[in-house]
Protein backbone atom coordinates (compact mmCIF):
# COMPACT_ATOMS: atom_id res chain seq x y z
CA MET A 1 46.88 -6.98 -5.58
CA GLU A 2 49.07 -7.76 -2.48
CA ARG A 3 47.98 -6.31 0.51
CA THR A 4 50.24 -4.12 2.70
CA ARG A 5 50.48 -5.46 6.21
CA ALA A 6 49.94 -3.25 8.99
CA PRO A 7 52.97 -2.22 10.96
CA ARG A 8 53.64 -3.80 14.43
CA ARG A 9 52.76 -1.22 17.34
CA VAL A 10 55.60 -1.24 19.94
CA THR A 11 55.69 1.23 22.71
CA LEU A 12 58.92 2.55 24.03
CA ILE A 13 58.99 3.16 27.97
CA SER A 14 61.96 5.30 28.58
CA THR A 15 63.23 5.40 32.11
CA GLY A 16 66.82 6.59 31.81
CA GLY A 17 70.14 4.77 32.02
CA THR A 18 73.14 5.01 30.17
CA ILE A 19 71.39 4.58 26.87
CA ALA A 20 69.99 7.94 27.81
CA SER A 21 73.08 9.30 29.39
CA ARG A 22 75.30 12.47 28.17
CA TRP A 23 78.20 14.19 29.68
CA GLN A 24 77.53 16.39 32.54
CA GLY A 25 81.04 18.04 33.01
CA THR A 26 82.14 15.83 35.45
CA GLY A 27 80.65 12.59 34.49
CA TYR A 28 77.81 10.99 32.64
CA ALA A 29 73.94 11.06 33.84
CA ALA A 30 70.44 10.26 32.19
CA ASP A 31 69.18 13.38 30.55
CA ALA A 32 67.96 12.47 27.12
CA GLY A 33 64.18 11.80 26.53
CA GLY A 34 62.75 8.69 24.74
CA ASP A 35 62.58 10.39 21.47
CA THR A 36 66.07 11.20 21.29
CA VAL A 37 67.19 7.62 22.35
CA LEU A 38 64.83 6.11 19.64
CA ALA A 39 66.41 8.49 17.24
CA SER A 40 69.63 7.20 17.63
CA ALA A 41 68.91 3.52 16.30
CA ALA A 42 67.46 1.96 12.91
CA VAL A 43 63.81 0.91 13.52
CA PRO A 44 63.23 -2.52 11.94
CA ASP A 45 61.01 -2.53 8.87
CA GLY A 46 57.23 -2.85 9.65
CA VAL A 47 57.33 -1.39 13.24
CA ALA A 48 55.81 1.76 14.51
CA VAL A 49 56.98 2.83 17.70
CA GLU A 50 55.32 4.95 20.35
CA VAL A 51 57.37 6.58 23.09
CA VAL A 52 56.40 7.06 26.98
CA ASP A 53 59.01 9.38 28.98
CA LEU A 54 58.35 7.63 32.49
CA PHE A 55 61.55 8.47 34.27
CA ASN A 56 64.87 9.88 33.38
CA VAL A 57 67.36 8.55 36.15
CA ASN A 58 70.38 6.48 36.50
CA SER A 59 69.36 3.13 37.45
CA SER A 60 71.16 3.32 40.97
CA ARG A 61 68.45 5.56 41.94
CA MET A 62 65.68 3.26 40.91
CA THR A 63 63.28 2.46 43.83
CA SER A 64 60.57 0.36 44.55
CA GLU A 65 58.13 2.97 43.98
CA ARG A 66 59.27 3.71 40.59
CA GLN A 67 59.42 0.08 39.89
CA LEU A 68 55.49 -0.22 40.61
CA THR A 69 54.90 2.91 38.72
CA LEU A 70 56.43 1.19 35.79
CA LEU A 71 54.60 -2.06 36.44
CA ARG A 72 51.20 0.10 36.50
CA THR A 73 52.40 1.99 33.28
CA VAL A 74 52.99 -1.29 31.32
CA ARG A 75 49.45 -2.55 32.53
CA GLU A 76 47.76 0.64 31.13
CA VAL A 77 49.90 0.38 27.93
CA LEU A 78 48.82 -3.35 27.43
CA ALA A 79 45.24 -2.31 27.96
CA ASP A 80 45.19 -1.40 24.39
CA PRO A 81 44.54 -4.37 22.27
CA ALA A 82 46.42 -2.64 19.23
CA VAL A 83 49.88 -2.75 20.86
CA ASP A 84 51.85 -5.60 19.84
CA GLY A 85 54.74 -5.24 22.39
CA ILE A 86 56.70 -3.13 24.76
CA VAL A 87 60.29 -2.13 25.10
CA VAL A 88 61.59 -0.45 28.35
CA THR A 89 65.07 1.18 28.19
CA HIS A 90 66.34 1.04 31.56
CA GLY A 91 70.03 1.55 33.44
CA THR A 92 72.04 -1.74 33.43
CA ASP A 93 72.75 -1.27 37.43
CA THR A 94 69.02 -2.35 38.52
CA LEU A 95 67.55 -3.57 35.36
CA GLU A 96 67.65 -7.31 36.46
CA GLU A 97 65.33 -6.16 39.54
CA SER A 98 62.76 -4.15 37.76
CA ALA A 99 62.49 -6.71 34.78
CA PHE A 100 61.98 -9.71 37.45
CA LEU A 101 59.18 -7.86 39.35
CA LEU A 102 57.47 -6.99 36.06
CA ASP A 103 57.77 -10.80 35.32
CA LEU A 104 56.44 -11.98 38.45
CA HIS A 105 52.93 -9.79 37.62
CA HIS A 106 52.96 -10.16 33.83
CA ASP A 107 49.58 -11.98 32.67
CA ASP A 108 49.91 -10.90 29.06
CA PRO A 109 51.04 -12.95 26.17
CA ARG A 110 52.62 -9.75 24.62
CA PRO A 111 56.13 -9.37 25.45
CA VAL A 112 57.87 -6.73 27.39
CA VAL A 113 61.55 -6.35 26.45
CA PHE A 114 64.01 -4.62 28.62
CA THR A 115 67.27 -3.30 27.14
CA GLY A 116 69.95 -0.59 27.60
CA ALA A 117 73.40 0.03 27.00
CA GLN A 118 77.05 0.04 28.57
CA LYS A 119 78.08 2.99 26.62
CA PRO A 120 76.63 6.55 26.76
CA LEU A 121 74.24 8.06 23.99
CA GLY A 122 76.16 9.28 21.14
CA ALA A 123 79.42 7.47 21.57
CA ALA A 124 80.82 6.35 18.20
CA ASP A 125 81.51 3.05 19.28
CA GLY A 126 77.92 2.89 21.46
CA ASP A 127 76.09 -0.52 21.93
CA GLY A 128 72.57 1.44 22.54
CA PRO A 129 71.39 1.74 19.02
CA GLY A 130 72.19 -1.91 18.00
CA ASN A 131 70.48 -3.14 21.54
CA MET A 132 67.34 -0.72 20.72
CA TYR A 133 66.91 -2.53 17.18
CA ASP A 134 67.17 -5.87 18.83
CA ALA A 135 64.85 -5.04 21.23
CA LEU A 136 62.18 -3.56 19.08
CA GLN A 137 62.57 -6.70 16.63
CA VAL A 138 61.82 -8.94 19.81
CA ALA A 139 59.15 -7.16 20.76
CA ALA A 140 57.36 -6.90 17.69
CA SER A 141 57.63 -10.62 17.06
CA VAL A 142 57.44 -12.87 20.03
CA ARG A 143 54.88 -13.99 22.54
CA ASP A 144 54.18 -16.05 25.52
CA LEU A 145 57.56 -15.64 26.71
CA GLY A 146 57.08 -12.90 29.84
CA VAL A 147 59.35 -10.31 30.42
CA LEU A 148 62.67 -10.51 28.52
CA VAL A 149 66.24 -8.73 28.45
CA VAL A 150 67.50 -8.30 25.20
CA PHE A 151 71.28 -7.28 25.24
CA ASP A 152 74.35 -7.88 23.04
CA GLY A 153 72.64 -9.98 20.32
CA ARG A 154 71.10 -12.28 23.16
CA VAL A 155 67.43 -12.68 24.33
CA HIS A 156 67.52 -13.58 28.06
CA ALA A 157 64.53 -14.67 30.54
CA ALA A 158 64.10 -11.82 33.06
CA ARG A 159 64.12 -14.40 35.84
CA GLY A 160 67.69 -15.35 36.73
CA THR A 161 69.29 -12.69 34.43
CA VAL A 162 71.75 -10.54 36.11
CA LYS A 163 74.34 -8.05 35.41
CA THR A 164 77.92 -10.01 35.10
CA GLN A 165 79.86 -7.68 33.64
CA THR A 166 80.49 -4.16 34.58
CA LEU A 167 81.56 -2.37 31.45
CA ALA A 168 81.91 -5.03 28.66
CA ALA A 169 79.09 -5.17 26.12
CA ASN A 170 77.69 -8.63 27.05
CA ALA A 171 76.51 -7.29 30.39
CA PHE A 172 73.78 -9.82 31.12
CA ALA A 173 73.70 -13.49 31.57
CA ASP A 174 71.90 -15.92 33.68
CA PRO A 175 75.05 -17.95 35.37
CA SER A 176 72.81 -20.95 36.22
CA ALA A 177 71.25 -21.39 32.79
CA GLY A 178 71.88 -19.76 29.07
CA PRO A 179 70.10 -17.33 27.07
CA LEU A 180 66.55 -18.20 25.63
CA GLY A 181 67.86 -17.42 21.99
CA ARG A 182 69.71 -14.98 19.83
CA LEU A 183 69.52 -12.48 17.30
CA GLY A 184 71.18 -12.33 13.92
CA PHE A 185 70.60 -11.63 10.18
CA GLY A 186 67.27 -10.14 10.68
CA ARG A 187 65.98 -13.08 12.62
CA VAL A 188 64.72 -13.88 16.27
CA ASP A 189 66.05 -17.38 16.80
CA ILE A 190 64.32 -18.55 20.06
CA ARG A 191 65.20 -21.91 21.35
CA THR A 192 63.91 -22.70 24.77
CA GLY A 193 61.12 -21.17 26.75
CA PRO A 194 61.20 -19.44 30.21
CA ARG A 195 60.62 -21.02 33.76
CA ARG A 196 57.60 -18.89 35.25
CA PRO A 197 55.18 -19.42 38.15
CA ALA A 198 51.79 -18.31 37.55
CA PRO A 199 51.44 -14.38 37.40
CA LEU A 200 50.54 -12.62 40.63
CA PRO A 201 47.78 -9.97 40.46
CA ALA A 202 48.71 -6.26 40.33
CA PRO A 203 49.59 -5.06 43.63
CA ASP A 204 47.50 -2.21 45.23
CA ALA A 205 48.93 1.46 45.48
CA ALA A 206 50.04 1.09 49.18
CA ALA A 207 53.57 2.35 49.67
CA PRO A 208 56.16 -0.48 49.34
CA PRO A 209 57.37 -2.22 52.36
CA ARG A 210 61.15 -2.03 53.60
CA VAL A 211 63.32 -5.24 52.34
CA ASP A 212 66.92 -5.38 53.22
CA ILE A 213 69.89 -7.31 52.07
CA VAL A 214 72.54 -8.32 54.47
CA MET A 215 75.83 -10.19 53.61
CA HIS A 216 77.33 -13.00 55.57
CA HIS A 217 81.38 -13.07 55.47
CA SER A 218 84.17 -14.54 57.71
CA ASP A 219 83.57 -12.14 60.60
CA ALA A 220 80.08 -11.24 60.12
CA ASP A 221 77.58 -11.44 63.06
CA PRO A 222 73.77 -10.51 63.12
CA ALA A 223 74.29 -6.91 63.81
CA LEU A 224 73.55 -5.49 60.47
CA PHE A 225 70.39 -8.11 60.33
CA GLU A 226 69.17 -6.62 63.55
CA ALA A 227 69.74 -3.31 62.48
CA ALA A 228 67.57 -3.98 59.16
CA LEU A 229 64.91 -5.10 61.63
CA ALA A 230 65.12 -1.99 64.11
CA ALA A 231 64.80 0.13 60.68
CA GLY A 232 61.69 -1.59 59.76
CA ALA A 233 62.32 -4.22 57.37
CA ARG A 234 59.38 -6.51 56.93
CA GLY A 235 61.55 -8.68 54.81
CA VAL A 236 65.36 -9.55 54.56
CA VAL A 237 67.68 -11.34 52.33
CA LEU A 238 70.55 -12.74 53.88
CA VAL A 239 73.37 -13.37 51.30
CA ALA A 240 74.94 -16.31 52.60
CA THR A 241 78.23 -18.12 51.66
CA GLY A 242 78.49 -21.20 49.49
CA ALA A 243 75.05 -23.27 49.26
CA GLY A 244 73.42 -21.04 51.69
CA ASN A 245 75.20 -21.32 55.09
CA ALA A 246 76.15 -18.71 57.79
CA THR A 247 76.33 -19.29 61.58
CA PRO A 248 74.42 -20.64 64.59
CA GLU A 249 74.07 -16.65 65.63
CA PHE A 250 72.48 -15.74 62.30
CA VAL A 251 70.34 -18.83 62.76
CA ASP A 252 68.81 -17.56 66.01
CA ALA A 253 68.51 -13.93 64.59
CA VAL A 254 66.40 -15.50 61.67
CA ALA A 255 64.26 -17.50 64.14
CA ALA A 256 63.62 -14.37 66.24
CA ALA A 257 62.85 -12.33 63.06
CA VAL A 258 60.36 -15.04 61.65
CA ARG A 259 58.59 -15.19 64.95
CA ARG A 260 57.91 -11.46 64.54
CA GLY A 261 56.16 -12.05 61.16
CA VAL A 262 59.53 -11.09 59.12
CA LEU A 263 59.90 -12.85 55.62
CA VAL A 264 63.60 -13.98 55.51
CA ALA A 265 65.03 -15.45 52.39
CA VAL A 266 68.71 -16.68 51.91
CA SER A 267 70.58 -16.30 48.92
CA THR A 268 74.35 -16.67 48.10
CA ARG A 269 77.32 -14.54 47.14
CA VAL A 270 78.62 -17.40 44.90
CA PRO A 271 77.75 -16.70 41.19
CA ALA A 272 76.24 -19.80 39.90
CA GLY A 273 74.25 -22.79 41.20
CA PRO A 274 71.24 -23.70 43.43
CA LEU A 275 71.16 -23.42 47.18
CA ALA A 276 70.85 -26.60 49.12
CA GLU A 277 70.34 -27.98 52.57
CA ILE A 278 73.59 -29.67 53.21
CA TYR A 279 74.97 -28.08 56.30
CA THR A 280 74.22 -27.96 59.98
CA GLY A 281 75.94 -25.59 62.52
CA GLY A 282 74.28 -22.42 61.11
CA GLY A 283 74.21 -23.89 57.54
CA ALA A 284 71.09 -24.19 55.14
CA VAL A 285 69.70 -26.90 57.22
CA ASP A 286 69.26 -24.69 60.39
CA LEU A 287 68.48 -21.73 58.60
CA VAL A 288 65.41 -23.48 56.63
CA ALA A 289 64.41 -24.91 60.30
CA ALA A 290 64.37 -21.52 61.64
CA GLY A 291 61.96 -20.32 58.76
CA ALA A 292 63.76 -18.95 56.05
CA VAL A 293 63.61 -19.70 52.45
CA LEU A 294 66.16 -20.57 50.12
CA SER A 295 66.17 -18.68 46.84
CA GLY A 296 67.19 -21.34 44.43
CA THR A 297 69.23 -20.07 41.57
CA LEU A 298 67.94 -16.56 42.04
CA ARG A 299 70.66 -14.05 43.48
CA ALA A 300 70.40 -11.18 45.99
CA GLY A 301 68.76 -8.62 43.83
CA GLN A 302 65.91 -10.64 42.41
CA THR A 303 65.32 -12.58 45.90
CA ARG A 304 64.75 -9.18 47.36
CA ILE A 305 62.10 -8.55 44.70
CA ALA A 306 60.56 -11.91 45.28
CA VAL A 307 60.28 -10.92 48.82
CA LEU A 308 58.98 -7.75 47.95
CA ALA A 309 56.07 -9.39 45.68
CA ALA A 310 55.24 -11.84 48.26
CA LEU A 311 54.67 -8.93 50.64
CA LEU A 312 52.68 -6.81 48.28
CA ALA A 313 50.60 -9.94 47.60
CA ASP A 314 47.02 -10.09 49.25
CA ALA A 315 48.19 -13.08 51.20
CA ALA A 316 47.73 -13.80 55.06
CA PRO A 317 51.17 -13.50 57.04
CA ALA A 318 51.31 -17.14 57.53
CA ALA A 319 50.76 -17.98 54.04
CA ARG A 320 53.70 -15.60 52.53
CA PRO A 321 56.65 -18.21 53.19
CA ALA A 322 54.78 -20.89 50.83
CA LEU A 323 53.95 -18.09 48.27
CA LEU A 324 57.63 -16.82 48.30
CA ARG A 325 58.73 -20.55 47.83
CA ARG A 326 56.16 -20.68 44.77
CA LEU A 327 57.85 -17.43 43.20
CA ILE A 328 61.29 -18.98 43.53
CA ALA A 329 60.74 -22.53 42.38
CA ALA A 330 59.33 -21.66 38.90
CA PRO A 331 58.13 -24.80 37.03
CA LEU A 332 59.64 -26.07 34.05
CA PRO A 333 58.09 -25.03 30.37
CA GLU A 334 56.20 -27.62 29.36
CA ASP A 335 58.48 -29.15 26.66
CA ASP A 336 61.29 -29.10 29.08
CA ALA A 337 59.30 -30.76 31.93
CA ALA A 338 57.98 -33.57 29.58
CA ALA A 339 61.57 -34.30 28.26
CA GLU A 340 62.84 -34.37 32.04
CA LYS A 341 59.92 -36.97 32.53
CA ALA A 342 60.97 -38.74 29.78
CA ALA A 343 64.80 -39.21 30.76
């Protein structure tokens, strides 16, 4: 007699976003609970879902405190060994930041899968139900991939994946790399593994420090950078031009901030490619010499999360730049590293 296989247990953590949004008279806002969102989608065969309603906010209202609450909730859910995976429904505006923060701390082989929608709950051509089905399928079937973003039939690593389309269904991509895999015909096809540093311990419950983002442009001066410091920022991300370039005035401001113990990272406003120490005259060569850390292929939002995580870690202030570099320079997966060495 054939034994019936026990269902795979997936916990759905609902935080709001477009996937939970309904018309409010003048526009859409998140107001539907997780059970309602789940009921809009089919559930894959052999999967049992439990719902946790954590927040119900548009993701433009996401905060570091809420993200840390989400991190603690994920860890509490995974304390139950019977849980096979987690799906987090989240608004798309800041999904990349929340997913990356969780990935930096995720030390469990079971997956945490973020998804959402570009069209609101109940839309006749809505993408939420399909994304939900795919996310549940991935959460019930993969392991050892860290935190993932599942959207429009693609499986992305949290690291490097950003929102690249304001309205289109294929909202997410890693502009400097491809997806980890795809879904189709009832299958999850994972083709490569993610690049992840060793996970950080869970941070304590202290209030998160202020970390700001300042953009360089043709007429930029350090006034906004210095305003961030005056507002109490303990970390600042400078969104530079090109491969990480600004001006001598920014270099001076960065050096002064670093001397005060502020953690400074440099990202770029260019969509794809790594930062590099090429230019002086206020370029990345000088910014690094002043104590800033280049963000590799991470863009501004995720660079800010890496700075936040380094500040929250139990590390001496002098050790934080090295920790930040480790969080940014994730190692190659073992198979990719072996292939690169062989080449």
